[in-house]
Amino acid sequence: MKEKGKVAIARLVVRAGTAPVLVALAPQGELVDADGVQVRAAEEVAAAVALSPEFAEDLRGLSNPALDRHYDMLERLALKYSREELGGDIEDSTLPDDETLAQHGPTFEAFSDAVYGADGAGAAGKTAGAKRKAGPEPHTAELYAERDWYSLANSDQLGRLTNDQLKVYLRYHGLTLGGNKADLLARIQAHVNQEPA
């Protein structure tokens, strides 16, 4: 194409769903070394793209101190420098800036008060995570009062009750409800034996 003085025009779709862009593929001559291996320096590639000379100079002059430090540390570690030879303190750029935090502290406080309230109880006035004290439900107390549990336990009559009836006692006293009937009976009997009559 270079010999014929032509360029290729192509349609480029960067990602699915984006508008296509027309691009020109301009032919360039190859630079080869004495062995016939293609050689092309990064500066030559950069010069081939349509950048103004001023912009290209601006790009070459930019540096990233954090990235430069990172590459410097990698090089020193690869060369097995001692910890002392690695040099000064590493500044963690992910940490917040104390000066900026102090400057915007009142803004953060106002936001916190608006969201959580001045006492930290939340916008609705409820303290996060506060739960009411668990106690027996009213109907559980009524069902519990229907039986003389101590007489049933002492006369070995608990076995005649159903699991649901046994769970009324366990629920009333805040004991574990899981297990088979034998587990429920054993749990009730142990609790009755430790309760003062």
Protein backbone atom coordinates (compact mmCIF):
# COMPACT_ATOMS: atom_id res chain seq x y z
CA MET A 1 0.00 0.00 0.00
CA LYS A 2 2.90 2.36 0.69
CA GLU A 3 4.25 1.92 -2.82
CA LYS A 4 0.83 2.66 -4.32
CA GLY A 5 0.30 5.66 -2.02
CA LYS A 6 -2.99 4.38 -0.63
CA VAL A 7 -4.49 4.08 2.84
CA ALA A 8 -7.07 1.65 4.21
CA ILE A 9 -10.27 3.05 5.66
CA ALA A 10 -11.87 0.82 8.30
CA ARG A 11 -14.81 0.93 10.63
CA LEU A 12 -13.82 0.50 14.29
CA VAL A 13 -16.32 -0.61 16.93
CA VAL A 14 -14.64 -0.26 20.33
CA ARG A 15 -17.35 -2.07 22.32
CA ALA A 16 -20.69 -3.61 21.57
CA GLY A 17 -23.34 -0.94 21.68
CA THR A 18 -21.00 1.96 20.84
CA ALA A 19 -21.11 3.95 17.65
CA PRO A 20 -18.64 2.87 14.96
CA VAL A 21 -15.76 5.21 14.10
CA LEU A 22 -13.98 5.47 10.77
CA VAL A 23 -10.21 5.07 11.04
CA ALA A 24 -7.41 5.27 8.50
CA LEU A 25 -4.69 2.64 8.47
CA ALA A 26 -1.65 4.45 7.10
CA PRO A 27 1.17 2.27 5.81
CA GLN A 28 4.66 2.89 7.17
CA GLY A 29 8.03 1.66 6.11
CA GLU A 30 9.75 -0.94 8.22
CA LEU A 31 13.01 -0.35 9.99
CA VAL A 32 15.12 -3.50 10.15
CA ASP A 33 18.52 -4.15 11.67
CA ALA A 34 21.43 -5.95 10.00
CA ASP A 35 19.86 -9.35 10.79
CA GLY A 36 16.55 -8.38 9.18
CA VAL A 37 14.70 -8.09 12.52
CA GLN A 38 12.13 -5.30 12.62
CA VAL A 39 13.15 -2.42 14.90
CA ARG A 40 10.86 0.41 15.85
CA ALA A 41 11.49 2.70 18.79
CA ALA A 42 8.63 3.95 20.90
CA GLU A 43 9.53 7.54 19.99
CA GLU A 44 9.08 6.75 16.30
CA VAL A 45 5.66 5.25 16.94
CA ALA A 46 4.68 8.29 19.01
CA ALA A 47 5.93 10.57 16.23
CA ALA A 48 3.81 8.65 13.70
CA VAL A 49 0.56 9.51 15.45
CA ALA A 50 -0.97 12.90 14.79
CA LEU A 51 0.16 14.79 17.88
CA SER A 52 1.24 18.36 17.81
CA PRO A 53 4.91 18.78 18.77
CA GLU A 54 3.94 20.89 21.82
CA PHE A 55 1.55 18.23 23.10
CA ALA A 56 4.12 15.47 22.55
CA GLU A 57 6.66 17.48 24.59
CA ASP A 58 4.11 17.97 27.36
CA LEU A 59 3.51 14.23 27.51
CA ARG A 60 7.20 13.42 27.67
CA GLY A 61 7.67 15.87 30.53
CA LEU A 62 4.95 14.35 32.72
CA SER A 63 5.97 12.05 35.52
CA ASN A 64 4.08 10.13 38.17
CA PRO A 65 6.09 10.28 41.42
CA ALA A 66 4.17 7.42 43.03
CA LEU A 67 4.69 5.19 40.01
CA ASP A 68 8.35 6.23 39.72
CA ARG A 69 8.85 5.33 43.40
CA HIS A 70 7.10 1.98 42.87
CA TYR A 71 9.33 1.05 39.94
CA ASP A 72 12.40 2.24 41.84
CA MET A 73 11.47 0.01 44.80
CA LEU A 74 10.87 -2.97 42.51
CA GLU A 75 14.27 -2.49 40.93
CA ARG A 76 15.98 -2.20 44.33
CA LEU A 77 14.19 -5.28 45.66
CA ALA A 78 15.14 -7.26 42.55
CA LEU A 79 18.76 -6.27 43.10
CA LYS A 80 18.44 -7.42 46.74
CA TYR A 81 19.22 -4.10 48.40
CA SER A 82 19.10 -4.17 52.20
CA ARG A 83 16.19 -2.49 53.96
CA GLU A 84 18.41 0.47 54.86
CA GLU A 85 19.52 0.88 51.24
CA LEU A 86 15.92 0.96 50.05
CA GLY A 87 15.71 4.49 51.34
CA GLY A 88 13.26 6.84 53.04
CA ASP A 89 9.76 6.44 54.22
CA ILE A 90 7.10 5.33 51.82
CA GLU A 91 4.17 7.71 51.76
CA ASP A 92 0.84 5.92 51.57
CA SER A 93 -1.26 8.05 49.25
CA THR A 94 -4.40 6.08 50.14
CA LEU A 95 -4.45 7.50 53.69
CA PRO A 96 -6.67 10.53 54.24
CA ASP A 97 -5.00 13.91 54.45
CA ASP A 98 -5.22 15.20 58.06
CA GLU A 99 -5.41 18.83 56.94
CA THR A 100 -8.32 18.13 54.59
CA LEU A 101 -10.13 16.13 57.25
CA ALA A 102 -9.72 18.98 59.74
CA GLN A 103 -10.91 21.50 57.17
CA HIS A 104 -14.07 19.52 56.33
CA GLY A 105 -14.71 18.16 59.84
CA PRO A 106 -17.81 20.33 60.45
CA THR A 107 -19.32 19.09 57.18
CA PHE A 108 -18.77 15.47 58.22
CA GLU A 109 -20.28 16.16 61.66
CA ALA A 110 -23.35 17.84 60.12
CA PHE A 111 -23.86 14.86 57.80
CA SER A 112 -23.49 12.40 60.69
CA ASP A 113 -25.96 14.35 62.83
CA ALA A 114 -28.45 14.52 59.94
CA VAL A 115 -28.27 10.79 59.34
CA TYR A 116 -27.80 9.39 62.84
CA GLY A 117 -28.99 12.24 65.05
CA ALA A 118 -26.93 14.22 67.53
CA ASP A 119 -26.98 11.35 70.04
CA GLY A 120 -26.18 8.71 67.39
CA ALA A 121 -29.62 7.14 67.79
CA GLY A 122 -30.53 7.34 64.11
CA ALA A 123 -32.99 9.45 62.18
CA ALA A 124 -36.01 7.71 63.69
CA GLY A 125 -34.69 8.14 67.23
CA LYS A 126 -34.07 4.43 67.68
CA THR A 127 -30.72 3.15 68.77
CA ALA A 128 -29.37 0.75 66.18
CA GLY A 129 -29.45 -2.85 67.32
CA ALA A 130 -31.68 -2.24 70.36
CA LYS A 131 -34.06 -5.11 70.93
CA ARG A 132 -36.89 -5.48 73.35
CA LYS A 133 -36.41 -7.86 76.22
CA ALA A 134 -37.71 -11.26 75.27
CA GLY A 135 -40.38 -12.63 77.55
CA PRO A 136 -43.17 -15.14 77.26
CA GLU A 137 -45.97 -14.16 74.95
CA PRO A 138 -49.30 -13.47 76.70
CA HIS A 139 -50.96 -16.56 75.26
CA THR A 140 -47.96 -18.67 76.36
CA ALA A 141 -48.48 -17.52 79.95
CA GLU A 142 -52.16 -18.49 79.74
CA LEU A 143 -51.33 -21.94 78.35
CA TYR A 144 -48.60 -22.41 80.97
CA ALA A 145 -51.02 -21.60 83.79
CA GLU A 146 -53.44 -24.34 82.64
CA ARG A 147 -51.19 -27.11 84.03
CA ASP A 148 -49.46 -27.89 87.30
CA TRP A 149 -46.08 -28.62 85.74
CA TYR A 150 -44.35 -29.61 88.98
CA SER A 151 -47.01 -32.21 89.83
CA LEU A 152 -46.84 -33.61 86.29
CA ALA A 153 -43.04 -33.85 86.46
CA ASN A 154 -43.01 -35.48 89.93
CA SER A 155 -45.69 -38.03 88.95
CA ASP A 156 -44.03 -38.87 85.62
CA GLN A 157 -47.10 -37.66 83.69
CA LEU A 158 -45.18 -35.32 81.34
CA GLY A 159 -44.82 -38.15 78.79
CA ARG A 160 -48.57 -38.04 78.11
CA LEU A 161 -48.34 -34.48 76.77
CA THR A 162 -47.70 -33.68 73.11
CA ASN A 163 -44.54 -31.96 71.90
CA ASP A 164 -46.48 -28.71 71.40
CA GLN A 165 -47.75 -28.85 74.97
CA LEU A 166 -44.22 -29.53 76.28
CA LYS A 167 -42.88 -26.59 74.29
CA VAL A 168 -45.27 -24.28 76.19
CA TYR A 169 -43.23 -24.94 79.36
CA LEU A 170 -39.92 -24.53 77.50
CA ARG A 171 -41.06 -21.32 75.80
CA TYR A 172 -42.35 -19.86 79.07
CA HIS A 173 -39.00 -20.43 80.78
CA GLY A 174 -36.92 -19.39 77.75
CA LEU A 175 -35.40 -22.81 77.21
CA THR A 176 -34.36 -24.39 73.90
CA LEU A 177 -37.29 -25.77 71.89
CA GLY A 178 -35.38 -28.12 69.57
CA GLY A 179 -35.05 -31.87 69.75
CA ASN A 180 -37.28 -34.93 69.90
CA LYS A 181 -39.79 -35.69 72.66
CA ALA A 182 -37.20 -37.39 74.87
CA ASP A 183 -34.98 -34.29 74.65
CA LEU A 184 -37.90 -32.03 75.58
CA LEU A 185 -38.85 -34.23 78.54
CA ALA A 186 -35.26 -34.36 79.80
CA ARG A 187 -34.90 -30.59 79.50
CA ILE A 188 -38.15 -29.97 81.41
CA GLN A 189 -37.31 -32.54 84.11
CA ALA A 190 -33.84 -31.00 84.62
CA HIS A 191 -35.35 -27.54 84.89
CA VAL A 192 -38.07 -28.65 87.34
CA ASN A 193 -35.48 -30.39 89.53
CA GLN A 194 -33.35 -27.24 89.83
CA GLU A 195 -36.32 -24.93 90.49
CA PRO A 196 -37.24 -24.41 94.15
CA ALA A 197 -40.66 -25.90 94.92
